[in-house]
């Protein structure tokens, strides 16, 4: 088969990708929100001297 893998291993690889891609997108959105909240809190802590 392709690259020496049997067809069922390709199903496992595709299933893993289908599961991990939405989780990665969700994590990236959460991380972006967390970073923007951190910046907001830091600005409030040190005053608006920027």
PDB file of N, CA and C in Angstrom:
ATOM      1  N   UNK A   1       0.839  -1.203   0.000  1.00  0.00           N
ATOM      2  CA  UNK A   1       0.000   0.000   0.000  1.00  0.00           C
ATOM      3  C   UNK A   1       0.877   1.257   0.000  1.00  0.00           C
ATOM      4  N   UNK A   2       0.220   2.369   0.083  1.00  0.00           N
ATOM      5  CA  UNK A   2       0.893   3.674   0.011  1.00  0.00           C
ATOM      6  C   UNK A   2       1.803   3.893   1.215  1.00  0.00           C
ATOM      7  N   UNK A   3       3.073   4.180   0.978  1.00  0.00           N
ATOM      8  CA  UNK A   3       4.103   4.396   2.000  1.00  0.00           C
ATOM      9  C   UNK A   3       4.252   3.208   2.937  1.00  0.00           C
ATOM     10  N   UNK A   4       3.917   2.029   2.485  1.00  0.00           N
ATOM     11  CA  UNK A   4       4.111   0.821   3.280  1.00  0.00           C
ATOM     12  C   UNK A   4       3.081   0.594   4.371  1.00  0.00           C
ATOM     13  N   UNK A   5       2.029   1.397   4.416  1.00  0.00           N
ATOM     14  CA  UNK A   5       0.991   1.225   5.439  1.00  0.00           C
ATOM     15  C   UNK A   5      -0.226   0.536   4.826  1.00  0.00           C
ATOM     16  N   UNK A   6      -0.844  -0.315   5.613  1.00  0.00           N
ATOM     17  CA  UNK A   6      -2.082  -0.955   5.173  1.00  0.00           C
ATOM     18  C   UNK A   6      -3.215   0.068   5.167  1.00  0.00           C
ATOM     19  N   UNK A   7      -4.290  -0.261   4.487  1.00  0.00           N
ATOM     20  CA  UNK A   7      -5.402   0.689   4.336  1.00  0.00           C
ATOM     21  C   UNK A   7      -6.024   1.062   5.673  1.00  0.00           C
ATOM     22  N   UNK A   8      -6.079   0.129   6.618  1.00  0.00           N
ATOM     23  CA  UNK A   8      -6.740   0.439   7.885  1.00  0.00           C
ATOM     24  C   UNK A   8      -5.916   1.411   8.722  1.00  0.00           C
ATOM     25  N   UNK A   9      -4.587   1.437   8.547  1.00  0.00           N
ATOM     26  CA  UNK A   9      -3.780   2.430   9.259  1.00  0.00           C
ATOM     27  C   UNK A   9      -4.063   3.827   8.724  1.00  0.00           C
ATOM     28  N   UNK A  10      -4.361   3.922   7.431  1.00  0.00           N
ATOM     29  CA  UNK A  10      -4.718   5.226   6.876  1.00  0.00           C
ATOM     30  C   UNK A  10      -6.048   5.704   7.455  1.00  0.00           C
ATOM     31  N   UNK A  11      -6.983   4.775   7.712  1.00  0.00           N
ATOM     32  CA  UNK A  11      -8.235   5.163   8.368  1.00  0.00           C
ATOM     33  C   UNK A  11      -7.966   5.707   9.765  1.00  0.00           C
ATOM     34  N   UNK A  12      -7.044   5.075  10.481  1.00  0.00           N
ATOM     35  CA  UNK A  12      -6.680   5.542  11.828  1.00  0.00           C
ATOM     36  C   UNK A  12      -6.062   6.934  11.754  1.00  0.00           C
ATOM     37  N   UNK A  13      -5.162   7.158  10.796  1.00  0.00           N
ATOM     38  CA  UNK A  13      -4.521   8.464  10.638  1.00  0.00           C
ATOM     39  C   UNK A  13      -5.555   9.536  10.305  1.00  0.00           C
ATOM     40  N   UNK A  14      -6.447   9.233   9.374  1.00  0.00           N
ATOM     41  CA  UNK A  14      -7.480  10.208   8.983  1.00  0.00           C
ATOM     42  C   UNK A  14      -8.412  10.497  10.159  1.00  0.00           C
ATOM     43  N   UNK A  15      -8.802   9.471  10.899  1.00  0.00           N
ATOM     44  CA  UNK A  15      -9.668   9.670  12.066  1.00  0.00           C
ATOM     45  C   UNK A  15      -8.967  10.544  13.109  1.00  0.00           C
ATOM     46  N   UNK A  16      -7.689  10.318  13.330  1.00  0.00           N
ATOM     47  CA  UNK A  16      -6.940  11.129  14.292  1.00  0.00           C
ATOM     48  C   UNK A  16      -6.897  12.588  13.857  1.00  0.00           C
ATOM     49  N   UNK A  17      -6.684  12.832  12.567  1.00  0.00           N
ATOM     50  CA  UNK A  17      -6.674  14.207  12.069  1.00  0.00           C
ATOM     51  C   UNK A  17      -8.038  14.871  12.222  1.00  0.00           C
ATOM     52  N   UNK A  18      -9.100  14.118  11.914  1.00  0.00           N
ATOM     53  CA  UNK A  18     -10.450  14.669  12.023  1.00  0.00           C
ATOM     54  C   UNK A  18     -10.754  15.053  13.470  1.00  0.00           C
ATOM     55  N   UNK A  19     -10.237  14.294  14.418  1.00  0.00           N
ATOM     56  CA  UNK A  19     -10.473  14.589  15.839  1.00  0.00           C
ATOM     57  C   UNK A  19      -9.590  15.741  16.320  1.00  0.00           C
ATOM     58  N   UNK A  20      -8.309  15.766  15.925  1.00  0.00           N
ATOM     59  CA  UNK A  20      -7.385  16.750  16.498  1.00  0.00           C
ATOM     60  C   UNK A  20      -7.493  18.140  15.904  1.00  0.00           C
ATOM     61  N   UNK A  21      -7.870  18.274  14.638  1.00  0.00           N
ATOM     62  CA  UNK A  21      -7.914  19.607  14.023  1.00  0.00           C
ATOM     63  C   UNK A  21      -8.940  20.521  14.713  1.00  0.00           C
ATOM     64  N   UNK A  22     -10.194  20.091  14.949  1.00  0.00           N
ATOM     65  CA  UNK A  22     -11.122  20.975  15.669  1.00  0.00           C
ATOM     66  C   UNK A  22     -10.657  21.281  17.098  1.00  0.00           C
ATOM     67  N   UNK A  23     -10.010  20.316  17.757  1.00  0.00           N
ATOM     68  CA  UNK A  23      -9.495  20.570  19.104  1.00  0.00           C
ATOM     69  C   UNK A  23      -8.398  21.629  19.070  1.00  0.00           C
ATOM     70  N   UNK A  24      -7.553  21.576  18.062  1.00  0.00           N
ATOM     71  CA  UNK A  24      -6.489  22.570  17.938  1.00  0.00           C
ATOM     72  C   UNK A  24      -7.078  23.955  17.688  1.00  0.00           C
ATOM     73  N   UNK A  25      -8.092  24.038  16.838  1.00  0.00           N
ATOM     74  CA  UNK A  25      -8.735  25.327  16.557  1.00  0.00           C
ATOM     75  C   UNK A  25      -9.358  25.883  17.827  1.00  0.00           C
ATOM     76  N   UNK A  26     -10.038  25.011  18.596  1.00  0.00           N
ATOM     77  CA  UNK A  26     -10.655  25.439  19.846  1.00  0.00           C
ATOM     78  C   UNK A  26      -9.605  25.932  20.826  1.00  0.00           C
ATOM     79  N   UNK A  27      -8.484  25.208  20.921  1.00  0.00           N
ATOM     80  CA  UNK A  27      -7.397  25.611  21.812  1.00  0.00           C
ATOM     81  C   UNK A  27      -6.818  26.946  21.394  1.00  0.00           C
ATOM     82  N   UNK A  28      -6.615  27.166  20.098  1.00  0.00           N
ATOM     83  CA  UNK A  28      -6.040  28.425  19.628  1.00  0.00           C
ATOM     84  C   UNK A  28      -6.964  29.608  19.944  1.00  0.00           C
ATOM     85  N   UNK A  29      -8.280  29.416  19.791  1.00  0.00           N
ATOM     86  CA  UNK A  29      -9.224  30.484  20.133  1.00  0.00           C
ATOM     87  C   UNK A  29      -9.181  30.765  21.625  1.00  0.00           C
ATOM     88  N   UNK A  30      -9.128  29.698  22.446  1.00  0.00           N
ATOM     89  CA  UNK A  30      -9.063  29.876  23.892  1.00  0.00           C
ATOM     90  C   UNK A  30      -7.782  30.606  24.286  1.00  0.00           C
ATOM     91  N   UNK A  31      -6.664  30.232  23.674  1.00  0.00           N
ATOM     92  CA  UNK A  31      -5.372  30.838  23.989  1.00  0.00           C
ATOM     93  C   UNK A  31      -5.382  32.326  23.622  1.00  0.00           C
ATOM     94  N   UNK A  32      -5.966  32.651  22.466  1.00  0.00           N
ATOM     95  CA  UNK A  32      -6.030  34.045  22.030  1.00  0.00           C
ATOM     96  C   UNK A  32      -6.856  34.870  23.014  1.00  0.00           C
ATOM     97  N   UNK A  33      -7.988  34.322  23.449  1.00  0.00           N
ATOM     98  CA  UNK A  33      -8.832  35.005  24.426  1.00  0.00           C
ATOM     99  C   UNK A  33      -8.084  35.210  25.731  1.00  0.00           C
ATOM    100  N   UNK A  34      -7.384  34.183  26.175  1.00  0.00           N
ATOM    101  CA  UNK A  34      -6.619  34.250  27.425  1.00  0.00           C
ATOM    102  C   UNK A  34      -5.535  35.315  27.348  1.00  0.00           C
ATOM    103  N   UNK A  35      -4.828  35.378  26.225  1.00  0.00           N
ATOM    104  CA  UNK A  35      -3.763  36.368  26.070  1.00  0.00           C
ATOM    105  C   UNK A  35      -4.327  37.788  26.064  1.00  0.00           C
ATOM    106  N   UNK A  36      -5.452  37.993  25.386  1.00  0.00           N
ATOM    107  CA  UNK A  36      -6.027  39.338  25.345  1.00  0.00           C
ATOM    108  C   UNK A  36      -6.531  39.750  26.722  1.00  0.00           C
ATOM    109  N   UNK A  37      -7.071  38.800  27.506  1.00  0.00           N
ATOM    110  CA  UNK A  37      -7.490  39.114  28.874  1.00  0.00           C
ATOM    111  C   UNK A  37      -6.285  39.454  29.740  1.00  0.00           C
ATOM    112  N   UNK A  38      -5.196  38.742  29.562  1.00  0.00           N
ATOM    113  CA  UNK A  38      -3.972  39.038  30.314  1.00  0.00           C
ATOM    114  C   UNK A  38      -3.497  40.455  30.020  1.00  0.00           C
ATOM    115  N   UNK A  39      -3.486  40.832  28.740  1.00  0.00           N
ATOM    116  CA  UNK A  39      -3.047  42.173  28.361  1.00  0.00           C
ATOM    117  C   UNK A  39      -3.954  43.226  28.981  1.00  0.00           C
ATOM    118  N   UNK A  40      -5.257  42.966  28.942  1.00  0.00           N
ATOM    119  CA  UNK A  40      -6.217  43.906  29.503  1.00  0.00           C
ATOM    120  C   UNK A  40      -5.981  44.100  30.997  1.00  0.00           C
ATOM    121  N   UNK A  41      -5.789  42.985  31.708  1.00  0.00           N
ATOM    122  CA  UNK A  41      -5.556  43.053  33.148  1.00  0.00           C
ATOM    123  C   UNK A  41      -4.244  43.752  33.470  1.00  0.00           C
ATOM    124  N   UNK A  42      -3.221  43.502  32.671  1.00  0.00           N
ATOM    125  CA  UNK A  42      -1.918  44.112  32.911  1.00  0.00           C
ATOM    126  C   UNK A  42      -2.010  45.626  32.722  1.00  0.00           C
ATOM    127  N   UNK A  43      -2.732  46.066  31.713  1.00  0.00           N
ATOM    128  CA  UNK A  43      -2.881  47.494  31.448  1.00  0.00           C
ATOM    129  C   UNK A  43      -3.578  48.170  32.620  1.00  0.00           C
ATOM    130  N   UNK A  44      -4.606  47.518  33.160  1.00  0.00           N
ATOM    131  CA  UNK A  44      -5.328  48.081  34.295  1.00  0.00           C
ATOM    132  C   UNK A  44      -4.466  48.128  35.535  1.00  0.00           C
ATOM    133  N   UNK A  45      -3.603  47.143  35.704  1.00  0.00           N
ATOM    134  CA  UNK A  45      -2.756  47.053  36.888  1.00  0.00           C
ATOM    135  C   UNK A  45      -1.744  48.193  36.932  1.00  0.00           C
ATOM    136  N   UNK A  46      -1.095  48.468  35.825  1.00  0.00           N
ATOM    137  CA  UNK A  46       0.013  49.413  35.817  1.00  0.00           C
ATOM    138  C   UNK A  46      -0.429  50.810  35.394  1.00  0.00           C
ATOM    139  N   UNK A  47      -1.690  50.994  35.143  1.00  0.00           N
ATOM    140  CA  UNK A  47      -2.166  52.321  34.724  1.00  0.00           C
ATOM    141  C   UNK A  47      -2.086  52.467  33.227  1.00  0.00           C
ATOM    142  N   UNK A  48      -2.696  53.523  32.722  1.00  0.00           N
ATOM    143  CA  UNK A  48      -2.733  53.740  31.271  1.00  0.00           C
ATOM    144  C   UNK A  48      -1.625  54.718  30.873  1.00  0.00           C
ATOM    145  N   UNK A  49      -0.382  54.323  31.088  1.00  0.00           N
ATOM    146  CA  UNK A  49       0.726  55.207  30.744  1.00  0.00           C
ATOM    147  C   UNK A  49       1.357  54.828  29.420  1.00  0.00           C
ATOM    148  N   UNK A  50       0.677  54.033  28.619  1.00  0.00           N
ATOM    149  CA  UNK A  50       1.233  53.643  27.312  1.00  0.00           C
ATOM    150  C   UNK A  50       0.967  54.702  26.272  1.00  0.00           C
TER     151      UNK A  50
END
